[in-house]
Amino acid sequence: MSEPENSGDTVVVPPVGPAASPPPPPRGPRIWTVLAAGAAGALVTLALDAWLRSEPVPPGRSAPSPAAASSSTGPAPVADPGPARELVSGLLAPSVPAAVLQHGVYPLRGAGRSPGETFPLLAFPCPPARACGELLDALEAPLAAAGFQVSRNIGGDRPGRPYFRAIAQQQRPALALRAWPPGPRLTLVVDDLGREPAVLERLLALDEHVTFAFLPNAPSAPSMAARLADAGREIVVDLPLEPQPPTVADGPDFLTTADPPEAAARAADRLLGRLPRAVGVINHLGGRFTTQATHMASLLHLIGGRGLFFLDDRTSPASVALETARVVGVRTAARTHALDLPGQDVRAAFKAVEAALVLDGQAVVVAHGNPETLALLGPWLEDLERRNIHLFRLSEIVL
């Protein structure tokens, strides 16, 4: 986590083929050292797996994996997302201000798709005066009249959870929509896990939408992560990255900037392989590593190629992780609050998060998975639920 330094079912939309896909509107500064590398992954395609991300996989059942075999003609390329985006934005305008629309990418699944394939995403909060289902249903007829096909979750829409739609044109995927229900959005990541197996039952007792980050080099991480994944919980890798002195590495296998970027990425690949059911990555420490654009670009290409997302824990104010991820095309978000930094009062941190939820409407919070913090998290989350504050998994808010 932060350094005290310097500071259920897969939805598959039938591939419905080729056209050059212009990138979504700019999401951050361009970095020359990663731009050339980012071009290699520019061609992307569709099958919406939103329900897998938003609905826990039932215990004892493995999550569906992308089919390895491709059809004789290959998967259909992405259509130009511009017309669909323009039409949807116009249809939403009376209810959803343009200022709250967010642009990102969404993973593709299906026969012939590689794990890292994505297509454009448009995300927005539903207005208080109009239900998400009603808002999205009203888009279908105008989109159909314009020659678009709309697909929705296999499992159906669930109140209080994000709503998803996939838009295709001439059998080619074009645009994904994610609509958050109205009200403040909280994402909680419990990290530094895998060293203390005794906390497993406390983890299982937390809200089902908490995301858990495991250190891949911790001795109990594989077994604990598997137990939580079997219970339908979301798992990410707490990847150990070189800290900024005077902070020191607190274990083995840290990725360092002393190694060439390609060597660091190979080491990361081995670490990620220890937690095969993880859906994303967060940096453990990393106050130095996350400031190095070339190293971060190489790491993020690996992460994206595995079909994972990345959360920047913001262990350095000079981190370039978020901007680099956006250039490379990796789904990403950044931590906004930490609950238990050294010398920090956890209850005071709760109040700061609650204030941000009121003022900003959202917060991405990271907390250590120690017994003291875990004892406070359960009652706090229950109180937030009573106040109609939605808790979302990390996969439900990355862009």
Protein backbone atom coordinates (compact mmCIF):
# COMPACT_ATOMS: atom_id res chain seq x y z
CA MET A 1 0.00 0.00 0.00
CA SER A 2 1.10 3.60 0.48
CA GLU A 3 4.62 4.49 1.47
CA PRO A 4 5.18 7.18 4.13
CA GLU A 5 7.58 8.88 1.73
CA ASN A 6 7.84 12.35 0.33
CA SER A 7 4.51 13.14 0.97
CA GLY A 8 -21.27 -15.32 -12.31
CA ASP A 9 -21.92 -15.18 -16.04
CA THR A 10 -20.11 -13.74 -18.98
CA VAL A 11 -22.06 -11.61 -21.40
CA VAL A 12 -20.96 -12.39 -24.93
CA VAL A 13 -22.13 -10.12 -27.68
CA PRO A 14 -21.86 -12.00 -30.96
CA PRO A 15 -19.11 -10.45 -33.05
CA VAL A 16 -21.26 -8.53 -35.27
CA GLY A 17 -16.12 -7.16 -39.06
CA PRO A 18 -12.93 -4.71 -40.30
CA ALA A 19 -12.67 -1.01 -39.79
CA ALA A 20 -10.03 1.23 -38.35
CA SER A 21 -11.08 2.32 -34.90
CA PRO A 22 -10.13 5.87 -33.89
CA PRO A 23 -9.10 6.20 -30.25
CA PRO A 24 -11.53 7.61 -27.71
CA PRO A 25 -11.17 11.27 -26.70
CA PRO A 26 -7.81 12.01 -25.04
CA ARG A 27 -7.66 10.82 -21.45
CA GLY A 28 -4.31 12.17 -20.35
CA PRO A 29 -0.91 13.54 -21.47
CA ARG A 30 0.93 11.65 -24.19
CA ILE A 31 4.33 10.20 -23.30
CA TRP A 32 6.63 9.69 -26.26
CA THR A 33 8.42 6.76 -24.70
CA VAL A 34 5.19 4.76 -24.47
CA LEU A 35 3.35 6.06 -27.53
CA ALA A 36 5.17 3.86 -30.01
CA ALA A 37 4.70 0.81 -27.85
CA GLY A 38 1.01 1.61 -27.40
CA ALA A 39 0.39 1.48 -31.14
CA ALA A 40 1.03 -2.26 -31.16
CA GLY A 41 -2.24 -2.90 -29.38
CA ALA A 42 -4.39 -0.47 -31.33
CA LEU A 43 -6.68 -3.03 -33.03
CA VAL A 44 -9.41 -4.21 -30.64
CA THR A 45 -12.73 -6.12 -30.70
CA LEU A 46 -15.83 -7.19 -28.56
CA ALA A 47 -17.77 -9.52 -26.35
CA LEU A 48 -19.01 -7.94 -23.14
CA ASP A 49 -18.04 -9.71 -19.91
CA ALA A 50 -19.52 -7.12 -17.57
CA TRP A 51 -21.64 -9.53 -15.58
CA LEU A 52 -18.61 -11.63 -14.72
CA ARG A 53 -17.06 -8.50 -13.22
CA SER A 54 -20.14 -7.33 -11.34
CA GLU A 55 -21.60 -10.63 -10.15
CA PRO A 56 -19.59 -13.02 -7.96
CA VAL A 57 -18.87 -16.43 -9.41
CA PRO A 58 -20.78 -19.03 -7.34
CA PRO A 59 -18.61 -21.07 -4.96
CA GLY A 60 -17.14 -24.17 -6.55
CA ARG A 61 -17.54 -22.80 -10.05
CA SER A 62 -14.74 -21.40 -12.17
CA ALA A 63 -15.16 -18.17 -14.06
CA PRO A 64 -15.54 -18.67 -17.81
CA SER A 65 -12.33 -18.07 -19.72
CA PRO A 66 -12.01 -16.74 -23.26
CA ALA A 67 -12.16 -19.43 -25.90
CA ALA A 68 -8.77 -20.19 -27.33
CA ALA A 69 -9.89 -21.28 -30.76
CA SER A 70 -10.68 -18.75 -33.45
CA SER A 71 -13.18 -19.14 -36.25
CA SER A 72 -11.90 -19.55 -39.78
CA THR A 73 -12.45 -15.87 -40.46
CA GLY A 74 -11.27 -14.66 -37.06
CA PRO A 75 -13.10 -12.38 -34.64
CA ALA A 76 -14.81 -9.30 -36.02
CA PRO A 77 -12.86 -6.04 -35.65
CA VAL A 78 -14.20 -3.04 -33.81
CA ALA A 79 -16.40 -0.59 -35.66
CA ASP A 80 -15.74 3.15 -35.60
CA PRO A 81 -17.06 4.12 -32.14
CA GLY A 82 -17.53 7.77 -33.10
CA PRO A 83 -21.09 7.58 -34.52
CA ALA A 84 -22.37 5.46 -31.62
CA ARG A 85 -20.70 7.71 -29.05
CA GLU A 86 -22.10 10.86 -30.67
CA LEU A 87 -25.61 9.44 -30.87
CA VAL A 88 -25.59 8.13 -27.28
CA SER A 89 -24.18 11.39 -25.94
CA GLY A 90 -26.95 13.33 -27.67
CA LEU A 91 -29.66 11.00 -26.41
CA LEU A 92 -28.32 11.24 -22.85
CA ALA A 93 -27.91 15.04 -22.92
CA PRO A 94 -31.33 15.92 -21.45
CA SER A 95 -30.64 13.79 -18.37
CA VAL A 96 -26.86 13.32 -18.14
CA PRO A 97 -24.58 16.38 -18.50
CA ALA A 98 -21.64 15.97 -20.87
CA ALA A 99 -19.30 16.94 -18.03
CA VAL A 100 -19.96 13.68 -16.18
CA LEU A 101 -19.39 11.38 -19.18
CA GLN A 102 -16.17 9.41 -18.81
CA HIS A 103 -14.25 7.67 -21.59
CA GLY A 104 -12.25 4.50 -21.23
CA VAL A 105 -11.88 0.97 -22.58
CA TYR A 106 -13.65 -2.29 -21.79
CA PRO A 107 -12.43 -5.90 -22.16
CA LEU A 108 -13.49 -8.13 -25.02
CA ARG A 109 -14.23 -11.80 -24.56
CA GLY A 110 -15.16 -14.56 -26.97
CA ALA A 111 -13.82 -17.06 -29.45
CA GLY A 112 -10.52 -15.95 -30.94
CA ARG A 113 -10.09 -13.00 -28.60
CA SER A 114 -6.80 -12.49 -26.78
CA PRO A 115 -7.01 -11.59 -23.05
CA GLY A 116 -5.83 -8.02 -23.68
CA GLU A 117 -8.36 -7.00 -26.32
CA THR A 118 -10.60 -4.03 -25.50
CA PHE A 119 -13.10 -1.69 -27.09
CA PRO A 120 -14.26 1.84 -26.21
CA LEU A 121 -16.29 2.51 -23.06
CA LEU A 122 -18.61 5.38 -22.15
CA ALA A 123 -19.39 5.53 -18.42
CA PHE A 124 -21.71 7.86 -16.51
CA PRO A 125 -23.81 8.12 -13.33
CA CYS A 126 -27.56 7.89 -13.74
CA PRO A 127 -29.45 11.01 -12.62
CA PRO A 128 -31.44 10.77 -9.37
CA ALA A 129 -34.68 11.52 -11.19
CA ARG A 130 -34.40 8.68 -13.71
CA ALA A 131 -33.72 4.99 -13.12
CA CYS A 132 -30.72 3.47 -14.91
CA GLY A 133 -32.82 0.76 -16.55
CA GLU A 134 -35.32 3.27 -17.90
CA LEU A 135 -32.54 5.54 -19.14
CA LEU A 136 -30.74 2.75 -21.01
CA ASP A 137 -33.91 1.18 -22.35
CA ALA A 138 -34.82 4.53 -23.94
CA LEU A 139 -31.60 4.39 -26.00
CA GLU A 140 -32.45 1.13 -27.75
CA ALA A 141 -35.06 2.29 -30.29
CA PRO A 142 -33.08 5.33 -31.56
CA LEU A 143 -29.93 3.21 -31.78
CA ALA A 144 -31.77 0.49 -33.70
CA ALA A 145 -33.20 3.09 -36.08
CA ALA A 146 -29.63 4.26 -36.77
CA GLY A 147 -28.48 0.73 -37.59
CA PHE A 148 -26.96 -0.28 -34.24
CA GLN A 149 -27.57 -3.45 -32.27
CA VAL A 150 -27.76 -3.30 -28.46
CA SER A 151 -26.92 -6.24 -26.18
CA ARG A 152 -27.41 -6.42 -22.43
CA ASN A 153 -26.24 -8.64 -19.57
CA ILE A 154 -27.11 -12.31 -19.66
CA GLY A 155 -27.96 -12.10 -15.97
CA GLY A 156 -30.10 -8.98 -16.32
CA ASP A 157 -29.80 -5.63 -14.60
CA ARG A 158 -29.49 -5.57 -10.82
CA PRO A 159 -30.65 -2.60 -8.73
CA GLY A 160 -27.78 -0.92 -6.94
CA ARG A 161 -25.14 -2.35 -9.30
CA PRO A 162 -23.70 -0.90 -12.52
CA TYR A 163 -25.81 -1.42 -15.63
CA PHE A 164 -24.05 -2.45 -18.84
CA ARG A 165 -24.88 -2.38 -22.54
CA ALA A 166 -22.83 -3.25 -25.62
CA ILE A 167 -23.46 -1.51 -28.94
CA ALA A 168 -22.49 -3.07 -32.27
CA GLN A 169 -22.80 -1.93 -35.88
CA GLN A 170 -23.07 -4.36 -38.79
CA GLN A 171 -22.06 -7.22 -36.49
CA ARG A 172 -18.99 -5.32 -35.28
CA PRO A 173 -18.59 -4.15 -31.66
CA ALA A 174 -18.50 -0.36 -31.36
CA LEU A 175 -19.09 0.92 -27.84
CA ALA A 176 -19.72 -0.31 -24.29
CA LEU A 177 -21.92 1.63 -21.87
CA ARG A 178 -21.59 1.51 -18.08
CA ALA A 179 -24.23 3.35 -16.04
CA TRP A 180 -23.69 3.70 -12.30
CA PRO A 181 -26.75 4.04 -10.07
CA PRO A 182 -27.20 7.51 -8.56
CA GLY A 183 -25.54 8.27 -5.25
CA PRO A 184 -21.97 8.23 -3.90
CA ARG A 185 -19.68 5.44 -5.14
CA LEU A 186 -17.13 3.84 -2.82
CA THR A 187 -14.48 1.31 -3.83
CA LEU A 188 -12.50 -0.37 -1.06
CA VAL A 189 -9.32 -2.38 -1.63
CA VAL A 190 -7.83 -4.33 1.27
CA ASP A 191 -4.16 -4.91 0.49
CA ASP A 192 -0.95 -6.39 1.93
CA LEU A 193 -2.68 -9.77 2.17
CA GLY A 194 -1.11 -13.23 2.19
CA ARG A 195 1.18 -12.97 5.21
CA GLU A 196 -1.41 -13.62 7.91
CA PRO A 197 -3.70 -16.58 7.15
CA ALA A 198 -5.48 -15.98 10.47
CA VAL A 199 -7.35 -13.00 8.98
CA LEU A 200 -9.08 -15.09 6.29
CA GLU A 201 -12.38 -15.42 8.13
CA ARG A 202 -12.45 -11.68 8.78
CA LEU A 203 -11.97 -11.06 5.08
CA LEU A 204 -14.82 -13.39 4.21
CA ALA A 205 -17.04 -11.54 6.70
CA LEU A 206 -16.63 -8.22 4.87
CA ASP A 207 -19.08 -6.97 2.25
CA GLU A 208 -19.01 -9.14 -0.91
CA HIS A 209 -18.00 -6.16 -3.06
CA VAL A 210 -14.71 -5.42 -1.27
CA THR A 211 -11.66 -6.06 -3.49
CA PHE A 212 -8.72 -7.98 -1.99
CA ALA A 213 -5.06 -7.44 -2.99
CA PHE A 214 -2.59 -10.27 -2.33
CA LEU A 215 1.19 -10.08 -2.30
CA PRO A 216 2.22 -12.76 -4.82
CA ASN A 217 5.44 -13.47 -2.91
CA ALA A 218 3.66 -14.01 0.44
CA PRO A 219 3.60 -17.67 1.56
CA SER A 220 -0.16 -17.93 2.18
CA ALA A 221 -1.26 -15.74 -0.74
CA PRO A 222 -2.15 -18.50 -3.26
CA SER A 223 -4.29 -20.51 -0.85
CA MET A 224 -6.01 -17.47 0.70
CA ALA A 225 -6.70 -15.90 -2.70
CA ALA A 226 -8.15 -19.16 -4.00
CA ARG A 227 -10.43 -19.44 -0.98
CA LEU A 228 -11.78 -15.92 -1.51
CA ALA A 229 -12.14 -16.43 -5.26
CA ASP A 230 -14.09 -19.62 -4.61
CA ALA A 231 -16.43 -17.52 -2.46
CA GLY A 232 -17.01 -15.15 -5.38
CA ARG A 233 -14.78 -12.34 -4.14
CA GLU A 234 -12.65 -10.12 -6.36
CA ILE A 235 -8.87 -10.67 -6.23
CA VAL A 236 -6.06 -8.43 -7.50
CA VAL A 237 -2.26 -8.75 -7.28
CA ASP A 238 -0.42 -6.45 -4.86
CA LEU A 239 2.68 -6.26 -7.05
CA PRO A 240 5.90 -5.35 -5.15
CA LEU A 241 7.62 -2.42 -6.88
CA GLU A 242 10.80 -0.57 -5.92
CA PRO A 243 10.10 2.05 -3.23
CA GLN A 244 11.58 5.52 -2.93
CA PRO A 245 14.28 5.71 -0.25
CA PRO A 246 14.30 5.95 2.71
CA THR A 247 11.49 3.38 2.41
CA VAL A 248 12.94 -0.09 1.87
CA ALA A 249 11.54 -3.24 0.28
CA ASP A 250 9.74 -5.37 2.86
CA GLY A 251 10.20 -8.73 1.17
CA PRO A 252 11.70 -10.56 -1.82
CA ASP A 253 10.97 -10.33 -5.53
CA PHE A 254 10.59 -6.55 -5.82
CA LEU A 255 10.73 -5.17 -9.36
CA THR A 256 13.44 -2.54 -9.57
CA THR A 257 14.50 0.15 -12.00
CA ALA A 258 18.05 -1.21 -11.83
CA ASP A 259 16.87 -3.95 -14.19
CA PRO A 260 16.05 -3.17 -17.83
CA PRO A 261 12.30 -2.61 -18.40
CA GLU A 262 11.96 -5.90 -20.27
CA ALA A 263 13.61 -7.86 -17.45
CA ALA A 264 11.36 -6.22 -14.87
CA ALA A 265 8.32 -7.16 -16.98
CA ARG A 266 9.47 -10.79 -17.17
CA ALA A 267 9.85 -10.86 -13.39
CA ALA A 268 6.35 -9.37 -13.07
CA ASP A 269 4.98 -12.06 -15.36
CA ARG A 270 6.31 -14.75 -13.04
CA LEU A 271 4.77 -13.04 -10.01
CA LEU A 272 1.38 -12.58 -11.68
CA GLY A 273 1.39 -16.26 -12.55
CA ARG A 274 1.27 -17.11 -8.84
CA LEU A 275 -2.25 -15.68 -8.54
CA PRO A 276 -3.97 -16.87 -11.72
CA ARG A 277 -7.49 -15.85 -10.66
CA ALA A 278 -6.63 -12.20 -10.13
CA VAL A 279 -8.45 -9.71 -12.36
CA GLY A 280 -6.19 -6.71 -11.78
CA VAL A 281 -3.00 -5.30 -10.25
CA ILE A 282 -2.18 -2.64 -7.65
CA ASN A 283 1.33 -1.47 -6.79
CA HIS A 284 2.80 -2.46 -3.41
CA LEU A 285 5.10 0.42 -2.43
CA GLY A 286 6.59 1.50 -5.79
CA GLY A 287 7.39 5.12 -4.96
CA ARG A 288 10.37 4.99 -7.32
CA PHE A 289 9.24 2.44 -9.90
CA THR A 290 5.95 4.24 -10.65
CA THR A 291 7.83 7.45 -11.53
CA GLN A 292 9.77 5.79 -14.36
CA ALA A 293 7.76 6.03 -17.58
CA THR A 294 9.72 3.44 -19.57
CA HIS A 295 9.55 0.81 -16.84
CA MET A 296 5.88 1.50 -16.22
CA ALA A 297 5.10 1.27 -19.95
CA SER A 298 6.75 -2.15 -20.18
CA LEU A 299 4.94 -3.36 -17.05
CA LEU A 300 1.57 -2.03 -18.18
CA HIS A 301 1.89 -3.68 -21.60
CA LEU A 302 2.31 -6.96 -19.75
CA ILE A 303 -0.66 -6.24 -17.49
CA GLY A 304 -2.86 -5.24 -20.42
CA GLY A 305 -1.77 -8.24 -22.45
CA ARG A 306 -2.98 -10.49 -19.64
CA GLY A 307 -6.37 -8.78 -19.71
CA LEU A 308 -5.86 -7.17 -16.29
CA PHE A 309 -6.41 -3.61 -15.06
CA PHE A 310 -4.15 -1.43 -12.89
CA LEU A 311 -4.81 0.65 -9.79
CA ASP A 312 -2.21 3.31 -9.00
CA ASP A 313 -1.81 3.41 -5.22
CA ARG A 314 -0.22 6.87 -5.56
CA THR A 315 2.76 6.09 -3.36
CA SER A 316 4.55 8.99 -5.01
CA PRO A 317 3.11 12.34 -6.11
CA ALA A 318 5.39 12.03 -9.15
CA SER A 319 3.84 8.73 -10.29
CA VAL A 320 3.28 8.46 -14.04
CA ALA A 321 1.35 5.18 -13.75
CA LEU A 322 -2.11 6.59 -14.43
CA GLU A 323 -1.09 8.64 -17.46
CA THR A 324 1.02 5.81 -18.87
CA ALA A 325 -1.80 3.30 -18.48
CA ARG A 326 -4.12 5.60 -20.41
CA VAL A 327 -1.62 5.97 -23.24
CA VAL A 328 -0.97 2.23 -23.39
CA GLY A 329 -4.71 1.50 -23.28
CA VAL A 330 -4.86 -0.36 -19.97
CA ARG A 331 -7.98 -0.01 -17.83
CA THR A 332 -7.05 2.03 -14.82
CA ALA A 333 -7.98 4.07 -11.75
CA ALA A 334 -6.11 5.82 -8.95
CA ARG A 335 -6.39 5.58 -5.19
CA THR A 336 -7.92 8.69 -3.61
CA HIS A 337 -7.66 7.80 0.10
CA ALA A 338 -5.61 5.56 2.39
CA LEU A 339 -7.16 4.53 5.68
CA ASP A 340 -4.25 3.53 7.86
CA LEU A 341 -0.96 5.16 6.98
CA PRO A 342 1.62 5.27 9.80
CA GLY A 343 0.48 7.69 12.48
CA GLN A 344 -2.96 8.08 10.90
CA ASP A 345 -6.14 7.76 12.94
CA VAL A 346 -8.39 5.32 11.08
CA ARG A 347 -11.63 6.84 12.37
CA ALA A 348 -10.51 10.29 11.22
CA ALA A 349 -9.70 8.76 7.83
CA PHE A 350 -13.25 7.35 7.70
CA LYS A 351 -14.60 10.89 8.12
CA ALA A 352 -12.35 12.19 5.32
CA VAL A 353 -13.64 9.49 2.98
CA GLU A 354 -17.25 10.24 3.89
CA ALA A 355 -16.68 13.94 3.18
CA ALA A 356 -15.20 13.09 -0.22
CA LEU A 357 -18.17 10.88 -1.03
CA VAL A 358 -20.48 13.84 -0.36
CA LEU A 359 -18.35 16.45 -2.14
CA ASP A 360 -16.92 14.42 -5.03
CA GLY A 361 -19.46 11.61 -5.29
CA GLN A 362 -16.83 8.87 -5.32
CA ALA A 363 -13.74 7.57 -3.52
CA VAL A 364 -11.23 4.78 -4.13
CA VAL A 365 -9.88 3.69 -0.75
CA VAL A 366 -7.00 1.38 0.14
CA ALA A 367 -6.56 -0.16 3.61
CA HIS A 368 -4.09 -2.64 5.05
CA GLY A 369 -5.44 -6.08 5.84
CA ASN A 370 -4.24 -6.16 9.45
CA PRO A 371 -6.53 -7.33 12.27
CA GLU A 372 -6.87 -3.85 13.78
CA THR A 373 -8.09 -2.22 10.57
CA LEU A 374 -10.29 -5.16 9.61
CA ALA A 375 -12.08 -4.96 12.95
CA LEU A 376 -13.16 -1.41 12.10
CA LEU A 377 -14.02 -1.90 8.43
CA GLY A 378 -17.06 -4.15 8.83
CA PRO A 379 -19.15 -1.79 11.02
CA TRP A 380 -18.12 1.20 8.91
CA LEU A 381 -19.26 -0.45 5.67
CA GLU A 382 -22.55 -1.50 7.23
CA ASP A 383 -23.17 2.08 8.32
CA LEU A 384 -22.44 3.38 4.80
CA GLU A 385 -24.86 0.87 3.31
CA ARG A 386 -27.61 2.12 5.60
CA ARG A 387 -26.88 5.61 4.25
CA ASN A 388 -27.35 4.42 0.64
CA ILE A 389 -23.69 4.68 -0.31
CA HIS A 390 -22.93 2.06 -2.94
CA LEU A 391 -19.84 -0.13 -2.63
CA PHE A 392 -18.36 -1.16 -5.98
CA ARG A 393 -15.69 -3.65 -6.87
CA LEU A 394 -12.55 -2.23 -8.42
CA SER A 395 -13.38 -3.88 -11.76
CA GLU A 396 -16.68 -1.95 -11.79
CA ILE A 397 -15.04 1.49 -11.72
CA VAL A 398 -11.84 1.20 -13.78
CA LEU A 399 -11.91 2.98 -17.14
